[in-house]
């Protein structure tokens, strides 16, 4: 199992996932660890609305670092989202 990323950790997306309206640099919360190399990650807007829940490879995310700077962008509409 990945020792550095655990459930409830905040992670940084390292690649764009356009079908979910996600961009590299977006923050998400790990909601489930699937074995050694897959994670379920939830991405939410600043108001708390879920933008996407994605199953990702551990190589698609990284742990947040102390020198990371946060920013805000408008979340695009995602087809099929409520």
N, C-alpha and C. Protein backbone atom coordinates (compact mmCIF):
# COMPACT_ATOMS: atom_id res chain seq x y z
N UNK A 1 0.84 -1.20 0.00
CA UNK A 1 0.00 0.00 0.00
C UNK A 1 0.88 1.24 0.00
N UNK A 2 0.39 2.31 -0.60
CA UNK A 2 1.11 3.57 -0.63
C UNK A 2 1.18 4.13 0.79
N UNK A 3 2.38 4.22 1.35
CA UNK A 3 2.54 4.67 2.74
C UNK A 3 2.39 6.17 2.91
N UNK A 4 2.53 6.93 1.84
CA UNK A 4 2.50 8.38 2.00
C UNK A 4 1.11 8.99 1.81
N UNK A 5 0.21 8.32 1.12
CA UNK A 5 -1.14 8.85 0.91
C UNK A 5 -2.16 7.92 1.56
N UNK A 6 -2.96 8.50 2.44
CA UNK A 6 -3.95 7.72 3.19
C UNK A 6 -5.34 8.34 3.01
N UNK A 7 -6.36 7.60 3.40
CA UNK A 7 -7.72 8.14 3.37
C UNK A 7 -7.79 9.42 4.19
N UNK A 8 -8.53 10.38 3.67
CA UNK A 8 -8.76 11.72 4.22
C UNK A 8 -7.61 12.69 3.99
N UNK A 9 -6.51 12.23 3.37
CA UNK A 9 -5.43 13.16 3.02
C UNK A 9 -5.89 14.08 1.90
N UNK A 10 -5.38 15.30 1.91
CA UNK A 10 -5.58 16.22 0.81
C UNK A 10 -4.44 15.99 -0.18
N UNK A 11 -4.79 15.89 -1.46
CA UNK A 11 -3.80 15.64 -2.50
C UNK A 11 -3.95 16.66 -3.62
N UNK A 12 -2.90 16.77 -4.44
CA UNK A 12 -2.86 17.67 -5.58
C UNK A 12 -2.91 16.82 -6.85
N UNK A 13 -3.83 17.15 -7.74
CA UNK A 13 -3.92 16.46 -9.02
C UNK A 13 -2.73 16.87 -9.89
N UNK A 14 -2.07 15.90 -10.54
CA UNK A 14 -0.88 16.20 -11.34
C UNK A 14 -1.14 16.18 -12.84
N UNK A 15 -2.37 15.92 -13.25
CA UNK A 15 -2.72 15.93 -14.68
C UNK A 15 -4.15 16.43 -14.83
N UNK A 16 -4.46 16.95 -15.99
CA UNK A 16 -5.83 17.37 -16.28
C UNK A 16 -6.74 16.16 -16.44
N UNK A 17 -7.98 16.28 -15.98
CA UNK A 17 -9.04 15.29 -16.22
C UNK A 17 -10.22 16.09 -16.79
N UNK A 18 -10.16 16.42 -18.09
CA UNK A 18 -11.14 17.34 -18.67
C UNK A 18 -12.58 16.86 -18.59
N UNK A 19 -12.82 15.57 -18.69
CA UNK A 19 -14.19 15.06 -18.64
C UNK A 19 -14.85 15.30 -17.28
N UNK A 20 -14.05 15.56 -16.25
CA UNK A 20 -14.57 15.85 -14.92
C UNK A 20 -14.42 17.33 -14.56
N UNK A 21 -13.92 18.13 -15.51
CA UNK A 21 -13.73 19.54 -15.24
C UNK A 21 -12.57 19.81 -14.30
N UNK A 22 -11.59 18.92 -14.26
CA UNK A 22 -10.46 19.05 -13.33
C UNK A 22 -9.19 19.41 -14.08
N UNK A 23 -8.35 20.19 -13.40
CA UNK A 23 -7.06 20.59 -13.97
C UNK A 23 -5.94 20.21 -13.00
N UNK A 24 -4.77 19.98 -13.57
CA UNK A 24 -3.59 19.75 -12.74
C UNK A 24 -3.49 20.90 -11.74
N UNK A 25 -3.22 20.58 -10.49
CA UNK A 25 -3.14 21.59 -9.44
C UNK A 25 -4.38 21.65 -8.57
N UNK A 26 -5.49 21.06 -9.02
CA UNK A 26 -6.70 21.04 -8.19
C UNK A 26 -6.46 20.18 -6.95
N UNK A 27 -7.08 20.58 -5.85
CA UNK A 27 -6.98 19.84 -4.60
C UNK A 27 -8.15 18.90 -4.44
N UNK A 28 -7.89 17.72 -3.90
CA UNK A 28 -8.94 16.75 -3.63
C UNK A 28 -8.68 16.04 -2.31
N UNK A 29 -9.69 15.36 -1.81
CA UNK A 29 -9.58 14.58 -0.58
C UNK A 29 -9.69 13.10 -0.92
N UNK A 30 -8.76 12.32 -0.42
CA UNK A 30 -8.80 10.88 -0.65
C UNK A 30 -9.92 10.29 0.19
N UNK A 31 -10.90 9.67 -0.47
CA UNK A 31 -12.02 9.08 0.26
C UNK A 31 -11.89 7.56 0.36
N UNK A 32 -11.03 6.97 -0.47
CA UNK A 32 -10.79 5.52 -0.36
C UNK A 32 -9.48 5.17 -1.05
N UNK A 33 -8.74 4.25 -0.45
CA UNK A 33 -7.51 3.74 -1.05
C UNK A 33 -7.82 2.35 -1.57
N UNK A 34 -7.60 2.15 -2.87
CA UNK A 34 -7.82 0.86 -3.51
C UNK A 34 -6.49 0.16 -3.68
N UNK A 35 -6.09 -0.65 -2.74
CA UNK A 35 -4.83 -1.38 -2.87
C UNK A 35 -3.63 -0.46 -2.90
N UNK A 36 -2.62 -0.86 -3.68
CA UNK A 36 -1.35 -0.14 -3.69
C UNK A 36 -1.28 1.02 -4.67
N UNK A 37 -2.11 1.00 -5.72
CA UNK A 37 -1.88 2.01 -6.74
C UNK A 37 -3.12 2.71 -7.27
N UNK A 38 -4.20 2.70 -6.53
CA UNK A 38 -5.40 3.42 -6.97
C UNK A 38 -6.07 4.09 -5.77
N UNK A 39 -6.65 5.26 -6.03
CA UNK A 39 -7.30 6.06 -4.99
C UNK A 39 -8.63 6.59 -5.51
N UNK A 40 -9.59 6.72 -4.63
CA UNK A 40 -10.84 7.43 -4.93
C UNK A 40 -10.67 8.81 -4.32
N UNK A 41 -10.78 9.85 -5.16
CA UNK A 41 -10.53 11.21 -4.69
C UNK A 41 -11.74 12.08 -5.02
N UNK A 42 -12.19 12.85 -4.01
CA UNK A 42 -13.31 13.77 -4.20
C UNK A 42 -12.77 15.19 -4.35
N UNK A 43 -13.27 15.88 -5.36
CA UNK A 43 -12.91 17.27 -5.62
C UNK A 43 -14.16 18.11 -5.40
N UNK A 44 -14.05 19.17 -4.61
CA UNK A 44 -15.21 20.01 -4.29
C UNK A 44 -14.91 21.46 -4.61
N UNK A 45 -15.99 22.23 -4.87
CA UNK A 45 -15.86 23.67 -5.05
C UNK A 45 -15.66 24.31 -3.68
N UNK A 46 -15.31 25.59 -3.68
CA UNK A 46 -15.10 26.31 -2.43
C UNK A 46 -16.35 26.33 -1.55
N UNK A 47 -17.53 26.26 -2.17
CA UNK A 47 -18.77 26.26 -1.40
C UNK A 47 -19.14 24.88 -0.88
N UNK A 48 -18.39 23.85 -1.27
CA UNK A 48 -18.64 22.51 -0.76
C UNK A 48 -19.37 21.58 -1.71
N UNK A 49 -19.73 22.06 -2.92
CA UNK A 49 -20.40 21.20 -3.89
C UNK A 49 -19.39 20.26 -4.53
N UNK A 50 -19.75 18.98 -4.60
CA UNK A 50 -18.85 18.02 -5.23
C UNK A 50 -18.76 18.29 -6.72
N UNK A 51 -17.55 18.49 -7.21
CA UNK A 51 -17.30 18.67 -8.63
C UNK A 51 -17.12 17.31 -9.30
N UNK A 52 -16.38 16.41 -8.61
CA UNK A 52 -16.12 15.09 -9.19
C UNK A 52 -15.60 14.16 -8.11
N UNK A 53 -15.88 12.89 -8.29
CA UNK A 53 -15.26 11.82 -7.51
C UNK A 53 -14.61 10.91 -8.55
N UNK A 54 -13.31 10.79 -8.48
CA UNK A 54 -12.55 10.08 -9.52
C UNK A 54 -11.71 8.97 -8.91
N UNK A 55 -11.66 7.84 -9.60
CA UNK A 55 -10.68 6.81 -9.26
C UNK A 55 -9.43 7.13 -10.05
N UNK A 56 -8.34 7.33 -9.35
CA UNK A 56 -7.09 7.77 -9.96
C UNK A 56 -5.95 6.86 -9.56
N UNK A 57 -4.94 6.82 -10.37
CA UNK A 57 -3.70 6.13 -10.04
C UNK A 57 -2.94 6.98 -9.02
N UNK A 58 -2.15 6.35 -8.20
CA UNK A 58 -1.34 7.12 -7.25
C UNK A 58 -0.36 8.04 -7.99
N UNK A 59 -0.05 7.74 -9.24
CA UNK A 59 0.83 8.61 -10.02
C UNK A 59 0.10 9.85 -10.53
N UNK A 60 -1.22 9.91 -10.41
CA UNK A 60 -2.02 11.06 -10.85
C UNK A 60 -2.11 12.16 -9.79
N UNK A 61 -1.65 11.87 -8.59
CA UNK A 61 -1.74 12.84 -7.49
C UNK A 61 -0.42 12.86 -6.73
N UNK A 62 -0.27 13.91 -5.94
CA UNK A 62 0.86 13.99 -5.02
C UNK A 62 0.38 14.60 -3.72
N UNK A 63 1.14 14.39 -2.68
CA UNK A 63 0.82 15.00 -1.39
C UNK A 63 1.02 16.51 -1.48
N UNK A 64 0.28 17.25 -0.69
CA UNK A 64 0.49 18.70 -0.66
C UNK A 64 1.83 18.97 0.02
N UNK A 65 2.44 20.09 -0.39
CA UNK A 65 3.72 20.49 0.19
C UNK A 65 3.55 21.79 0.94
N UNK A 66 4.46 22.04 1.82
CA UNK A 66 4.39 23.24 2.65
C UNK A 66 4.48 24.52 1.82
N UNK A 67 5.14 24.47 0.66
CA UNK A 67 5.29 25.67 -0.15
C UNK A 67 4.24 25.79 -1.25
N UNK A 68 3.20 24.93 -1.26
CA UNK A 68 2.12 25.05 -2.23
C UNK A 68 1.29 26.30 -1.93
N UNK A 69 0.92 27.01 -2.98
CA UNK A 69 0.09 28.21 -2.86
C UNK A 69 -1.27 27.91 -3.47
N UNK A 70 -2.34 28.20 -2.75
CA UNK A 70 -3.69 27.93 -3.23
C UNK A 70 -4.20 29.07 -4.09
N UNK A 71 -5.07 28.74 -5.04
CA UNK A 71 -5.74 29.75 -5.86
C UNK A 71 -7.17 29.29 -6.11
N UNK A 72 -7.96 30.14 -6.72
CA UNK A 72 -9.36 29.83 -6.99
C UNK A 72 -9.64 30.04 -8.46
N UNK A 73 -10.44 29.16 -9.06
CA UNK A 73 -10.91 29.30 -10.44
C UNK A 73 -12.36 28.86 -10.47
N UNK A 74 -13.08 29.27 -11.49
CA UNK A 74 -14.46 28.88 -11.64
C UNK A 74 -14.52 27.45 -12.18
N UNK A 75 -15.30 26.60 -11.53
CA UNK A 75 -15.44 25.22 -11.96
C UNK A 75 -16.36 25.16 -13.16
N UNK A 76 -15.95 24.45 -14.20
CA UNK A 76 -16.81 24.32 -15.37
C UNK A 76 -17.97 23.37 -15.08
N UNK A 77 -19.05 23.53 -15.82
CA UNK A 77 -20.17 22.58 -15.72
C UNK A 77 -19.71 21.25 -16.27
N UNK A 78 -20.12 20.18 -15.61
CA UNK A 78 -19.77 18.83 -16.07
C UNK A 78 -21.04 18.14 -16.52
N UNK A 79 -21.02 17.61 -17.72
CA UNK A 79 -22.18 16.92 -18.26
C UNK A 79 -22.56 15.74 -17.36
N UNK A 80 -23.82 15.64 -17.00
CA UNK A 80 -24.30 14.54 -16.18
C UNK A 80 -24.23 14.85 -14.69
N UNK A 81 -23.62 15.95 -14.30
CA UNK A 81 -23.55 16.30 -12.88
C UNK A 81 -24.85 16.96 -12.45
N UNK A 82 -25.24 16.70 -11.22
CA UNK A 82 -26.47 17.29 -10.70
C UNK A 82 -26.27 18.68 -10.20
